[in-house]
């Protein structure tokens, strides 16, 4: 019975990884990753494998550690602008943070681009959920993002925040 639950757990995580990879393949303009986020990736894998090794985990334990590591790393890359919408950070449960939903442009409004010293913060409102979402992009992509949003008939307000 225990092996059944482990297999269900592995299947669920594998499907989640598949969905994350599918989201990554749709992204045209990716969110900005900080240096810290890039440096933490190998540390995440080493930490999970270290925990499995210290806990004298079985082969299944190592597999689950690698799957969890893959999900955390992939979650850094599945946010950004797609051909039909945007995939932002979504607060809530940890699974929402890993696998965000794509908001279609027709379901969004109130686009605001806040220019900061080293990045831009894009804010929009979901008409369906009546919630505000944010996502960061590189400052060099500002014009490309404005043009991209205007091509999709979005009214964009620009603001500087120093």
C-alpha atoms as a PDB file:
ATOM      1  CA  UNK A   1       0.000   0.000   0.000  1.00  0.00           C
ATOM      2  CA  UNK A   2       2.864   2.369   0.785  1.00  0.00           C
ATOM      3  CA  UNK A   3       4.391   1.853  -2.662  1.00  0.00           C
ATOM      4  CA  UNK A   4       1.035   2.800  -4.209  1.00  0.00           C
ATOM      5  CA  UNK A   5       1.076   6.209  -2.491  1.00  0.00           C
ATOM      6  CA  UNK A   6       4.691   6.791  -3.527  1.00  0.00           C
ATOM      7  CA  UNK A   7       3.854   5.970  -7.143  1.00  0.00           C
ATOM      8  CA  UNK A   8       0.833   8.309  -7.048  1.00  0.00           C
ATOM      9  CA  UNK A   9       3.074  11.007  -5.541  1.00  0.00           C
ATOM     10  CA  UNK A  10       5.698  10.508  -8.280  1.00  0.00           C
ATOM     11  CA  UNK A  11       2.999  10.540 -10.988  1.00  0.00           C
ATOM     12  CA  UNK A  12       1.515  13.785  -9.643  1.00  0.00           C
ATOM     13  CA  UNK A  13       4.911  15.479  -9.521  1.00  0.00           C
ATOM     14  CA  UNK A  14       5.800  14.212 -12.972  1.00  0.00           C
ATOM     15  CA  UNK A  15       2.580  15.693 -14.370  1.00  0.00           C
ATOM     16  CA  UNK A  16       3.365  18.970 -12.618  1.00  0.00           C
ATOM     17  CA  UNK A  17       6.853  19.013 -14.159  1.00  0.00           C
ATOM     18  CA  UNK A  18       5.311  18.329 -17.576  1.00  0.00           C
ATOM     19  CA  UNK A  19       2.937  21.289 -17.113  1.00  0.00           C
ATOM     20  CA  UNK A  20       5.820  23.543 -16.035  1.00  0.00           C
ATOM     21  CA  UNK A  21       7.895  22.570 -19.085  1.00  0.00           C
ATOM     22  CA  UNK A  22       4.851  23.236 -21.272  1.00  0.00           C
ATOM     23  CA  UNK A  23       4.494  26.702 -19.707  1.00  0.00           C
ATOM     24  CA  UNK A  24       8.214  27.414 -20.221  1.00  0.00           C
ATOM     25  CA  UNK A  25       7.950  26.560 -23.918  1.00  0.00           C
ATOM     26  CA  UNK A  26       5.151  29.147 -24.354  1.00  0.00           C
ATOM     27  CA  UNK A  27       7.069  32.087 -22.880  1.00  0.00           C
ATOM     28  CA  UNK A  28       8.237  34.777 -25.305  1.00  0.00           C
ATOM     29  CA  UNK A  29       9.622  37.297 -22.784  1.00  0.00           C
ATOM     30  CA  UNK A  30      10.833  35.664 -19.576  1.00  0.00           C
ATOM     31  CA  UNK A  31      10.755  37.190 -16.102  1.00  0.00           C
ATOM     32  CA  UNK A  32      13.997  38.597 -14.726  1.00  0.00           C
ATOM     33  CA  UNK A  33      15.956  36.247 -12.481  1.00  0.00           C
ATOM     34  CA  UNK A  34      18.192  37.698  -9.815  1.00  0.00           C
ATOM     35  CA  UNK A  35      21.784  36.556  -9.323  1.00  0.00           C
ATOM     36  CA  UNK A  36      20.691  35.004  -6.033  1.00  0.00           C
ATOM     37  CA  UNK A  37      18.041  32.909  -7.751  1.00  0.00           C
ATOM     38  CA  UNK A  38      20.558  31.699 -10.331  1.00  0.00           C
ATOM     39  CA  UNK A  39      23.113  30.793  -7.653  1.00  0.00           C
ATOM     40  CA  UNK A  40      20.548  28.977  -5.514  1.00  0.00           C
ATOM     41  CA  UNK A  41      19.693  26.439  -8.212  1.00  0.00           C
ATOM     42  CA  UNK A  42      22.677  24.102  -7.680  1.00  0.00           C
ATOM     43  CA  UNK A  43      22.365  24.631  -3.932  1.00  0.00           C
ATOM     44  CA  UNK A  44      18.761  23.412  -4.047  1.00  0.00           C
ATOM     45  CA  UNK A  45      19.729  20.164  -5.760  1.00  0.00           C
ATOM     46  CA  UNK A  46      22.665  19.574  -3.387  1.00  0.00           C
ATOM     47  CA  UNK A  47      20.464  20.299  -0.355  1.00  0.00           C
ATOM     48  CA  UNK A  48      17.715  17.886  -1.390  1.00  0.00           C
ATOM     49  CA  UNK A  49      20.194  15.143  -2.238  1.00  0.00           C
ATOM     50  CA  UNK A  50      22.064  15.813   1.019  1.00  0.00           C
ATOM     51  CA  UNK A  51      18.879  15.437   3.022  1.00  0.00           C
ATOM     52  CA  UNK A  52      18.114  12.178   1.209  1.00  0.00           C
ATOM     53  CA  UNK A  53      21.647  10.895   1.845  1.00  0.00           C
ATOM     54  CA  UNK A  54      21.687  11.900   5.527  1.00  0.00           C
ATOM     55  CA  UNK A  55      18.295  10.301   6.007  1.00  0.00           C
ATOM     56  CA  UNK A  56      19.609   7.094   4.409  1.00  0.00           C
ATOM     57  CA  UNK A  57      16.905   7.325   1.809  1.00  0.00           C
ATOM     58  CA  UNK A  58      16.105   4.531  -0.573  1.00  0.00           C
ATOM     59  CA  UNK A  59      16.242   4.906  -4.332  1.00  0.00           C
ATOM     60  CA  UNK A  60      12.690   6.256  -4.164  1.00  0.00           C
ATOM     61  CA  UNK A  61      13.836   8.934  -1.720  1.00  0.00           C
ATOM     62  CA  UNK A  62      16.516  10.072  -4.158  1.00  0.00           C
ATOM     63  CA  UNK A  63      14.012  10.105  -7.013  1.00  0.00           C
ATOM     64  CA  UNK A  64      11.582  12.233  -4.977  1.00  0.00           C
ATOM     65  CA  UNK A  65      14.441  14.582  -4.024  1.00  0.00           C
ATOM     66  CA  UNK A  66      15.402  15.029  -7.673  1.00  0.00           C
ATOM     67  CA  UNK A  67      11.784  15.595  -8.692  1.00  0.00           C
ATOM     68  CA  UNK A  68      11.316  18.216  -5.963  1.00  0.00           C
ATOM     69  CA  UNK A  69      14.568  19.917  -7.020  1.00  0.00           C
ATOM     70  CA  UNK A  70      13.472  19.954 -10.649  1.00  0.00           C
ATOM     71  CA  UNK A  71      10.137  21.514  -9.724  1.00  0.00           C
ATOM     72  CA  UNK A  72      11.761  24.283  -7.688  1.00  0.00           C
ATOM     73  CA  UNK A  73      14.258  25.081 -10.443  1.00  0.00           C
ATOM     74  CA  UNK A  74      11.673  24.984 -13.244  1.00  0.00           C
ATOM     75  CA  UNK A  75       9.394  27.287 -11.248  1.00  0.00           C
ATOM     76  CA  UNK A  76      11.948  30.067 -11.770  1.00  0.00           C
ATOM     77  CA  UNK A  77      11.588  29.848 -15.549  1.00  0.00           C
ATOM     78  CA  UNK A  78       7.834  29.430 -16.097  1.00  0.00           C
ATOM     79  CA  UNK A  79       6.874  33.071 -15.561  1.00  0.00           C
ATOM     80  CA  UNK A  80       6.611  35.720 -18.279  1.00  0.00           C
ATOM     81  CA  UNK A  81       4.716  36.951 -21.328  1.00  0.00           C
ATOM     82  CA  UNK A  82       3.299  34.411 -23.754  1.00  0.00           C
ATOM     83  CA  UNK A  83       1.764  34.824 -27.197  1.00  0.00           C
ATOM     84  CA  UNK A  84      -1.738  34.965 -25.695  1.00  0.00           C
ATOM     85  CA  UNK A  85      -1.211  36.279 -22.161  1.00  0.00           C
ATOM     86  CA  UNK A  86       0.983  36.412 -19.106  1.00  0.00           C
ATOM     87  CA  UNK A  87       2.050  33.893 -16.475  1.00  0.00           C
ATOM     88  CA  UNK A  88       2.810  35.829 -13.253  1.00  0.00           C
ATOM     89  CA  UNK A  89       3.736  34.853  -9.725  1.00  0.00           C
ATOM     90  CA  UNK A  90       0.562  33.744  -7.986  1.00  0.00           C
ATOM     91  CA  UNK A  91       0.377  33.813  -4.229  1.00  0.00           C
ATOM     92  CA  UNK A  92      -1.441  31.182  -2.281  1.00  0.00           C
ATOM     93  CA  UNK A  93      -0.456  27.575  -1.818  1.00  0.00           C
ATOM     94  CA  UNK A  94       3.062  26.453  -2.670  1.00  0.00           C
ATOM     95  CA  UNK A  95       1.768  24.686  -5.785  1.00  0.00           C
ATOM     96  CA  UNK A  96       0.347  28.018  -7.014  1.00  0.00           C
ATOM     97  CA  UNK A  97       3.821  29.502  -6.694  1.00  0.00           C
ATOM     98  CA  UNK A  98       5.324  26.671  -8.709  1.00  0.00           C
ATOM     99  CA  UNK A  99       2.679  26.284 -11.399  1.00  0.00           C
ATOM    100  CA  UNK A 100       0.992  29.587 -12.123  1.00  0.00           C
ATOM    101  CA  UNK A 101      -1.935  29.957 -14.454  1.00  0.00           C
ATOM    102  CA  UNK A 102      -1.806  31.873 -17.700  1.00  0.00           C
ATOM    103  CA  UNK A 103      -4.015  34.961 -17.833  1.00  0.00           C
ATOM    104  CA  UNK A 104      -5.218  35.677 -21.374  1.00  0.00           C
ATOM    105  CA  UNK A 105      -4.852  39.300 -22.490  1.00  0.00           C
ATOM    106  CA  UNK A 106      -8.613  39.608 -22.964  1.00  0.00           C
ATOM    107  CA  UNK A 107      -9.061  38.746 -19.248  1.00  0.00           C
ATOM    108  CA  UNK A 108      -6.735  41.531 -18.058  1.00  0.00           C
ATOM    109  CA  UNK A 109      -6.777  45.309 -17.650  1.00  0.00           C
ATOM    110  CA  UNK A 110      -5.046  48.205 -15.867  1.00  0.00           C
ATOM    111  CA  UNK A 111      -1.541  47.471 -17.130  1.00  0.00           C
ATOM    112  CA  UNK A 112       1.152  49.476 -15.362  1.00  0.00           C
ATOM    113  CA  UNK A 113       4.912  49.341 -15.953  1.00  0.00           C
ATOM    114  CA  UNK A 114       6.913  50.722 -13.049  1.00  0.00           C
ATOM    115  CA  UNK A 115      10.494  51.522 -14.027  1.00  0.00           C
ATOM    116  CA  UNK A 116      13.021  51.035 -11.243  1.00  0.00           C
ATOM    117  CA  UNK A 117      16.807  51.445 -11.280  1.00  0.00           C
ATOM    118  CA  UNK A 118      17.655  47.941 -12.520  1.00  0.00           C
ATOM    119  CA  UNK A 119      14.336  46.390 -13.521  1.00  0.00           C
ATOM    120  CA  UNK A 120      10.750  47.037 -14.449  1.00  0.00           C
ATOM    121  CA  UNK A 121       7.782  45.773 -12.492  1.00  0.00           C
ATOM    122  CA  UNK A 122       4.717  44.964 -14.564  1.00  0.00           C
ATOM    123  CA  UNK A 123       1.368  45.099 -12.821  1.00  0.00           C
ATOM    124  CA  UNK A 124      -2.009  44.084 -14.218  1.00  0.00           C
ATOM    125  CA  UNK A 125      -5.472  43.272 -12.965  1.00  0.00           C
ATOM    126  CA  UNK A 126      -7.326  40.053 -13.655  1.00  0.00           C
ATOM    127  CA  UNK A 127     -10.913  40.869 -14.579  1.00  0.00           C
ATOM    128  CA  UNK A 128     -12.079  37.383 -13.680  1.00  0.00           C
ATOM    129  CA  UNK A 129     -10.501  37.209 -10.200  1.00  0.00           C
ATOM    130  CA  UNK A 130     -10.488  40.973  -9.470  1.00  0.00           C
ATOM    131  CA  UNK A 131      -6.906  40.603  -8.260  1.00  0.00           C
ATOM    132  CA  UNK A 132      -3.680  42.463  -8.988  1.00  0.00           C
ATOM    133  CA  UNK A 133      -0.565  40.544 -10.065  1.00  0.00           C
ATOM    134  CA  UNK A 134       3.084  41.563 -10.488  1.00  0.00           C
ATOM    135  CA  UNK A 135       6.059  40.276 -12.424  1.00  0.00           C
ATOM    136  CA  UNK A 136       9.590  41.659 -12.851  1.00  0.00           C
ATOM    137  CA  UNK A 137      11.459  42.008 -16.136  1.00  0.00           C
ATOM    138  CA  UNK A 138      14.853  43.301 -17.153  1.00  0.00           C
ATOM    139  CA  UNK A 139      15.013  47.060 -17.732  1.00  0.00           C
ATOM    140  CA  UNK A 140      16.442  46.520 -21.235  1.00  0.00           C
ATOM    141  CA  UNK A 141      13.209  44.771 -22.256  1.00  0.00           C
ATOM    142  CA  UNK A 142      10.985  47.732 -21.385  1.00  0.00           C
ATOM    143  CA  UNK A 143      10.337  48.943 -24.947  1.00  0.00           C
ATOM    144  CA  UNK A 144       9.849  45.406 -26.233  1.00  0.00           C
ATOM    145  CA  UNK A 145       7.280  44.710 -23.502  1.00  0.00           C
ATOM    146  CA  UNK A 146       5.414  47.985 -24.126  1.00  0.00           C
ATOM    147  CA  UNK A 147       5.230  47.238 -27.868  1.00  0.00           C
ATOM    148  CA  UNK A 148       4.206  43.632 -27.208  1.00  0.00           C
ATOM    149  CA  UNK A 149       1.362  44.708 -24.915  1.00  0.00           C
ATOM    150  CA  UNK A 150       0.195  47.396 -27.331  1.00  0.00           C
ATOM    151  CA  UNK A 151       0.092  44.811 -30.142  1.00  0.00           C
ATOM    152  CA  UNK A 152      -2.380  42.925 -27.960  1.00  0.00           C
ATOM    153  CA  UNK A 153      -4.539  46.058 -27.543  1.00  0.00           C
ATOM    154  CA  UNK A 154      -3.543  46.644 -23.930  1.00  0.00           C
ATOM    155  CA  UNK A 155      -3.405  50.203 -22.613  1.00  0.00           C
ATOM    156  CA  UNK A 156      -0.121  50.561 -20.740  1.00  0.00           C
ATOM    157  CA  UNK A 157       0.695  53.275 -18.203  1.00  0.00           C
ATOM    158  CA  UNK A 158       4.385  53.995 -17.575  1.00  0.00           C
ATOM    159  CA  UNK A 159       5.677  55.195 -14.214  1.00  0.00           C
ATOM    160  CA  UNK A 160       9.156  55.807 -12.803  1.00  0.00           C
ATOM    161  CA  UNK A 161      10.005  54.845  -9.241  1.00  0.00           C
ATOM    162  CA  UNK A 162      13.468  55.811  -8.100  1.00  0.00           C
END
